[in-house]
Amino acid sequence: MRDPIAALVRQEGWRAEGAAARVHYEGGTDRYAVEFYAETGHVLYWAVPTDDDEGGTAAPVPRDGVPDPLRRRVREDLDEAEIDPDVERRDL
């Protein structure tokens, strides 16, 4: 496990998956998976299907489609893990 990943998985809900750390969030009727890739320093957001949408698949979500409170929470988690929170704003 890479050091930034190890630091991030100490934050609530995050877990390591190879070269990435992932966390899931639910808010209202929306569900998201958030991934941080240490090697490239990028954050990806995915819309995750709800339990009612059994046939659905996860789909990438552009940052401007992600609720601000979730983006703030991700930046706070990155900062707590001593990862530059500005990586959350980086374009792919």
N, C-alpha and C. Protein backbone atom coordinates (compact mmCIF):
# COMPACT_ATOMS: atom_id res chain seq x y z
N MET A 1 0.85 -1.18 0.00
CA MET A 1 0.00 0.00 0.00
C MET A 1 0.90 1.24 0.00
N ARG A 2 0.56 2.20 -0.84
CA ARG A 2 1.35 3.43 -0.92
C ARG A 2 1.04 4.34 0.27
N ASP A 3 2.00 5.17 0.66
CA ASP A 3 1.82 6.02 1.85
C ASP A 3 0.57 6.90 1.81
N PRO A 4 0.29 7.62 0.69
CA PRO A 4 -0.94 8.44 0.69
C PRO A 4 -2.19 7.59 0.85
N ILE A 5 -2.18 6.40 0.26
CA ILE A 5 -3.33 5.50 0.40
C ILE A 5 -3.46 5.07 1.85
N ALA A 6 -2.36 4.70 2.47
CA ALA A 6 -2.38 4.28 3.88
C ALA A 6 -2.92 5.39 4.77
N ALA A 7 -2.53 6.63 4.49
CA ALA A 7 -3.02 7.76 5.28
C ALA A 7 -4.51 7.99 5.05
N LEU A 8 -4.95 7.84 3.83
CA LEU A 8 -6.35 8.10 3.52
C LEU A 8 -7.27 7.03 4.10
N VAL A 9 -6.83 5.79 4.13
CA VAL A 9 -7.71 4.74 4.67
C VAL A 9 -7.89 4.86 6.18
N ARG A 10 -7.14 5.72 6.81
CA ARG A 10 -7.38 5.99 8.24
C ARG A 10 -8.57 6.93 8.44
N GLN A 11 -9.04 7.54 7.35
CA GLN A 11 -10.21 8.41 7.42
C GLN A 11 -11.47 7.55 7.35
N GLU A 12 -12.54 8.03 7.92
CA GLU A 12 -13.78 7.26 8.03
C GLU A 12 -14.30 6.79 6.66
N GLY A 13 -14.49 5.49 6.54
CA GLY A 13 -15.11 4.90 5.37
C GLY A 13 -14.18 4.54 4.22
N TRP A 14 -12.98 5.08 4.20
CA TRP A 14 -12.06 4.82 3.08
C TRP A 14 -11.43 3.44 3.23
N ARG A 15 -11.21 2.77 2.08
CA ARG A 15 -10.50 1.49 2.08
C ARG A 15 -9.56 1.45 0.88
N ALA A 16 -8.51 0.68 1.01
CA ALA A 16 -7.52 0.55 -0.06
C ALA A 16 -7.96 -0.49 -1.07
N GLU A 17 -7.70 -0.18 -2.34
CA GLU A 17 -7.95 -1.12 -3.43
C GLU A 17 -6.81 -0.97 -4.43
N GLY A 18 -5.72 -1.67 -4.18
CA GLY A 18 -4.55 -1.58 -5.06
C GLY A 18 -3.93 -0.20 -5.00
N ALA A 19 -3.83 0.46 -6.15
CA ALA A 19 -3.21 1.78 -6.24
C ALA A 19 -4.18 2.91 -5.92
N ALA A 20 -5.35 2.57 -5.40
CA ALA A 20 -6.37 3.58 -5.12
C ALA A 20 -6.95 3.40 -3.72
N ALA A 21 -7.61 4.46 -3.28
CA ALA A 21 -8.43 4.40 -2.07
C ALA A 21 -9.84 4.75 -2.50
N ARG A 22 -10.83 4.09 -1.89
CA ARG A 22 -12.23 4.29 -2.29
C ARG A 22 -13.10 4.45 -1.06
N VAL A 23 -14.13 5.28 -1.23
CA VAL A 23 -15.14 5.47 -0.19
C VAL A 23 -16.49 5.60 -0.88
N HIS A 24 -17.54 5.19 -0.18
CA HIS A 24 -18.90 5.31 -0.70
C HIS A 24 -19.68 6.29 0.16
N TYR A 25 -20.50 7.11 -0.49
CA TYR A 25 -21.35 8.07 0.20
C TYR A 25 -22.77 7.96 -0.31
N GLU A 26 -23.73 8.17 0.58
CA GLU A 26 -25.14 8.23 0.21
C GLU A 26 -25.71 9.53 0.73
N GLY A 27 -26.53 10.15 -0.09
CA GLY A 27 -27.20 11.37 0.32
C GLY A 27 -28.52 11.49 -0.42
N GLY A 28 -29.61 11.52 0.32
CA GLY A 28 -30.92 11.56 -0.32
C GLY A 28 -31.11 10.31 -1.15
N THR A 29 -31.34 10.50 -2.43
CA THR A 29 -31.51 9.35 -3.33
C THR A 29 -30.26 9.08 -4.14
N ASP A 30 -29.18 9.81 -3.88
CA ASP A 30 -27.94 9.66 -4.65
C ASP A 30 -26.93 8.82 -3.90
N ARG A 31 -26.20 8.01 -4.66
CA ARG A 31 -25.10 7.22 -4.10
C ARG A 31 -23.87 7.45 -4.98
N TYR A 32 -22.74 7.66 -4.32
CA TYR A 32 -21.49 7.91 -5.03
C TYR A 32 -20.38 7.02 -4.51
N ALA A 33 -19.48 6.66 -5.41
CA ALA A 33 -18.20 6.07 -5.04
C ALA A 33 -17.16 7.11 -5.41
N VAL A 34 -16.21 7.32 -4.52
CA VAL A 34 -15.14 8.28 -4.76
C VAL A 34 -13.83 7.52 -4.71
N GLU A 35 -12.98 7.74 -5.71
CA GLU A 35 -11.69 7.05 -5.77
C GLU A 35 -10.56 8.07 -5.85
N PHE A 36 -9.51 7.83 -5.09
CA PHE A 36 -8.29 8.64 -5.14
C PHE A 36 -7.17 7.75 -5.62
N TYR A 37 -6.48 8.19 -6.68
CA TYR A 37 -5.35 7.44 -7.24
C TYR A 37 -4.06 8.15 -6.87
N ALA A 38 -3.24 7.49 -6.05
CA ALA A 38 -2.02 8.11 -5.53
C ALA A 38 -1.00 8.39 -6.62
N GLU A 39 -0.83 7.46 -7.56
CA GLU A 39 0.22 7.61 -8.57
C GLU A 39 -0.02 8.81 -9.47
N THR A 40 -1.28 9.10 -9.77
CA THR A 40 -1.58 10.23 -10.65
C THR A 40 -2.12 11.43 -9.89
N GLY A 41 -2.48 11.23 -8.62
CA GLY A 41 -3.01 12.34 -7.83
C GLY A 41 -4.35 12.84 -8.34
N HIS A 42 -5.23 11.92 -8.72
CA HIS A 42 -6.55 12.29 -9.22
C HIS A 42 -7.65 11.70 -8.36
N VAL A 43 -8.76 12.41 -8.33
CA VAL A 43 -9.97 11.95 -7.66
C VAL A 43 -11.04 11.75 -8.72
N LEU A 44 -11.69 10.58 -8.68
CA LEU A 44 -12.78 10.28 -9.61
C LEU A 44 -14.06 10.07 -8.82
N TYR A 45 -15.15 10.55 -9.38
CA TYR A 45 -16.47 10.36 -8.79
C TYR A 45 -17.30 9.46 -9.69
N TRP A 46 -18.03 8.55 -9.06
CA TRP A 46 -18.90 7.63 -9.79
C TRP A 46 -20.29 7.68 -9.18
N ALA A 47 -21.32 7.75 -10.03
CA ALA A 47 -22.69 7.57 -9.57
C ALA A 47 -22.91 6.07 -9.47
N VAL A 48 -23.39 5.63 -8.33
CA VAL A 48 -23.59 4.20 -8.08
C VAL A 48 -25.09 3.93 -8.08
N PRO A 49 -25.52 2.87 -8.76
CA PRO A 49 -26.96 2.58 -8.79
C PRO A 49 -27.51 2.29 -7.40
N THR A 50 -28.75 2.66 -7.20
CA THR A 50 -29.42 2.37 -5.93
C THR A 50 -29.89 0.92 -5.91
N ASP A 51 -30.32 0.48 -4.76
CA ASP A 51 -30.84 -0.88 -4.64
C ASP A 51 -32.05 -1.11 -5.54
N ASP A 52 -32.80 -0.04 -5.81
CA ASP A 52 -33.99 -0.14 -6.68
C ASP A 52 -33.61 -0.31 -8.15
N ASP A 53 -32.39 0.06 -8.50
CA ASP A 53 -31.93 0.00 -9.89
C ASP A 53 -31.00 -1.20 -10.06
N GLU A 54 -31.55 -2.39 -9.98
CA GLU A 54 -30.75 -3.61 -9.99
C GLU A 54 -29.91 -3.77 -11.25
N GLY A 55 -30.41 -3.30 -12.39
CA GLY A 55 -29.68 -3.47 -13.64
C GLY A 55 -28.72 -2.34 -13.94
N GLY A 56 -28.66 -1.34 -13.08
CA GLY A 56 -27.82 -0.19 -13.33
C GLY A 56 -26.34 -0.48 -13.11
N THR A 57 -25.51 0.34 -13.71
CA THR A 57 -24.07 0.23 -13.52
C THR A 57 -23.53 1.58 -13.06
N ALA A 58 -22.39 1.55 -12.42
CA ALA A 58 -21.75 2.80 -12.00
C ALA A 58 -21.33 3.59 -13.23
N ALA A 59 -21.43 4.91 -13.14
CA ALA A 59 -21.06 5.78 -14.25
C ALA A 59 -20.26 6.95 -13.72
N PRO A 60 -19.21 7.37 -14.46
CA PRO A 60 -18.43 8.53 -14.00
C PRO A 60 -19.30 9.78 -13.97
N VAL A 61 -18.97 10.65 -13.02
CA VAL A 61 -19.71 11.90 -12.85
C VAL A 61 -18.72 13.06 -12.93
N PRO A 62 -18.98 14.07 -13.78
CA PRO A 62 -18.10 15.25 -13.79
C PRO A 62 -18.21 15.99 -12.46
N ARG A 63 -17.14 16.64 -12.07
CA ARG A 63 -17.12 17.34 -10.78
C ARG A 63 -18.28 18.31 -10.60
N ASP A 64 -18.65 19.00 -11.68
CA ASP A 64 -19.74 19.97 -11.53
C ASP A 64 -21.09 19.30 -11.31
N GLY A 65 -21.15 17.98 -11.43
CA GLY A 65 -22.37 17.23 -11.15
C GLY A 65 -22.39 16.62 -9.76
N VAL A 66 -21.32 16.83 -9.00
CA VAL A 66 -21.20 16.26 -7.65
C VAL A 66 -21.62 17.33 -6.64
N PRO A 67 -22.46 16.99 -5.67
CA PRO A 67 -22.88 17.98 -4.68
C PRO A 67 -21.68 18.59 -3.94
N ASP A 68 -21.75 19.91 -3.73
CA ASP A 68 -20.66 20.62 -3.04
C ASP A 68 -20.32 20.04 -1.67
N PRO A 69 -21.32 19.66 -0.85
CA PRO A 69 -20.96 19.09 0.46
C PRO A 69 -20.09 17.84 0.35
N LEU A 70 -20.35 17.01 -0.65
CA LEU A 70 -19.54 15.81 -0.84
C LEU A 70 -18.13 16.19 -1.27
N ARG A 71 -18.01 17.12 -2.20
CA ARG A 71 -16.68 17.55 -2.64
C ARG A 71 -15.89 18.15 -1.48
N ARG A 72 -16.56 18.94 -0.63
CA ARG A 72 -15.88 19.52 0.55
C ARG A 72 -15.40 18.41 1.47
N ARG A 73 -16.25 17.42 1.71
CA ARG A 73 -15.89 16.30 2.59
C ARG A 73 -14.67 15.56 2.06
N VAL A 74 -14.62 15.33 0.76
CA VAL A 74 -13.47 14.64 0.16
C VAL A 74 -12.22 15.48 0.34
N ARG A 75 -12.30 16.80 0.11
CA ARG A 75 -11.13 17.66 0.30
C ARG A 75 -10.68 17.65 1.76
N GLU A 76 -11.62 17.64 2.69
CA GLU A 76 -11.27 17.57 4.12
C GLU A 76 -10.57 16.25 4.44
N ASP A 77 -11.07 15.15 3.90
CA ASP A 77 -10.43 13.85 4.14
C ASP A 77 -9.01 13.84 3.57
N LEU A 78 -8.85 14.38 2.37
CA LEU A 78 -7.51 14.45 1.77
C LEU A 78 -6.58 15.27 2.65
N ASP A 79 -7.06 16.42 3.11
CA ASP A 79 -6.25 17.29 3.95
C ASP A 79 -5.86 16.59 5.25
N GLU A 80 -6.80 15.90 5.88
CA GLU A 80 -6.51 15.16 7.11
C GLU A 80 -5.45 14.08 6.88
N ALA A 81 -5.42 13.54 5.67
CA ALA A 81 -4.45 12.50 5.32
C ALA A 81 -3.13 13.11 4.82
N GLU A 82 -3.02 14.44 4.92
CA GLU A 82 -1.84 15.18 4.48
C GLU A 82 -1.59 15.00 2.99
N ILE A 83 -2.68 14.95 2.23
CA ILE A 83 -2.65 14.95 0.77
C ILE A 83 -3.18 16.31 0.35
N ASP A 84 -2.53 16.95 -0.61
CA ASP A 84 -2.96 18.26 -1.06
C ASP A 84 -4.44 18.21 -1.48
N PRO A 85 -5.32 18.92 -0.79
CA PRO A 85 -6.74 18.84 -1.12
C PRO A 85 -7.07 19.39 -2.50
N ASP A 86 -6.17 20.17 -3.09
CA ASP A 86 -6.41 20.70 -4.43
C ASP A 86 -6.42 19.62 -5.50
N VAL A 87 -5.91 18.41 -5.19
CA VAL A 87 -5.96 17.34 -6.19
C VAL A 87 -7.41 16.99 -6.51
N GLU A 88 -8.33 17.27 -5.59
CA GLU A 88 -9.75 17.00 -5.84
C GLU A 88 -10.26 17.83 -7.01
N ARG A 89 -9.66 18.97 -7.25
CA ARG A 89 -10.10 19.88 -8.31
C ARG A 89 -9.41 19.62 -9.65
N ARG A 90 -8.44 18.74 -9.66
CA ARG A 90 -7.65 18.49 -10.87
C ARG A 90 -8.48 17.85 -11.98
N ASP A 91 -8.33 18.38 -13.18
CA ASP A 91 -8.99 17.78 -14.35
C ASP A 91 -8.23 16.55 -14.80
N LEU A 92 -8.94 15.63 -15.40
CA LEU A 92 -8.31 14.43 -15.96
C LEU A 92 -7.72 14.73 -17.31
